[in-house]
Amino acid sequence: MFRSPVARFQRQDAHVSPHHKHFYTSSVMEYIVPEANTAAFEDWYGRLRREAQYHSGFLRADLCTPLNCDDGVIKYYSIIHFASPSQLDLWLTCDTRQQLFKEGKTLFLAYRFKSFTTGLEGWFSLSGGSSGSLGPPRWKQILSVVLGLYPTVILQGMAFSALGMMQGWPLPTAMLVNNLITSSLLTWVVMPRVSRLLKFWLKPAYQLTSRQVDLVGAAIVLSLLMLCVVLFNWLQNLNL
């Protein structure tokens, strides 16, 4: 008999160091498995868990008791815990997991991974991956993106104007090209540097920072923005 997944957890590895008792990050997966494949699926998940144990930051892997859906399929819910979002990202994107997951797709009908994000976390991941990462609080993300976006748009506009680029283009076409260039510069050039500059402040949301650190980081961002305003106004006056 299958019981509800909330009934109990199968604790695969129960060791958690005191330092990581509360501050860790997790990935939750839902798998829909045909009844005939349950044994093979559990064997596959065991191999997946064993591989995860070799990766830095691994804390624990939980496989919930499967849920019988009474229509020929079983639902499994797995939760894997790592010490930090960046270490979880490395596991989720590594070649070993990708290969194992490719094999596993022959055993289950569908899977689902749910993540609550703002859509900006990728710009704040120093590991180069964003899957399952927990970004900084939204207000910090917004201020940081504005810090990167504002000077990028101004300098890009000044450069295009000086070079006479796209001056006679239709506005929709020019806007599309401008947005593609701006987004590329932000993703590959600007935001990685902003993230490194503000690393002390852009902590993941689950890691609480002191009010002093929050205020210092916000003051730095706002000061840099005001400096940009003064600088760009000065440059504009020079052209006049």
Foldseek 3Di string as FASTA:
>chain_A
DFDDLVPDKDWPAQDDDPVQPPQKFKWKKKFKFFPVLPVVLVVLVVVLVVVLVVFAFWGTKIKTGWDDPPPRIIMIMIMTIGNALLSVQCSVPPPVNVVSVVVSCVGTDDMDIDDDDPPQQCLQHLNNGDVRHFWAPPVLSVLLVCLQQVVLLLVVVVVCVVVVHCPPPPPVVVVVVSVVVSVVCSNPPRSSVSNVVLVVQTGGHSDDDDVVSVVVSVVVSVVSVVVSVVVSVVVVVVVD
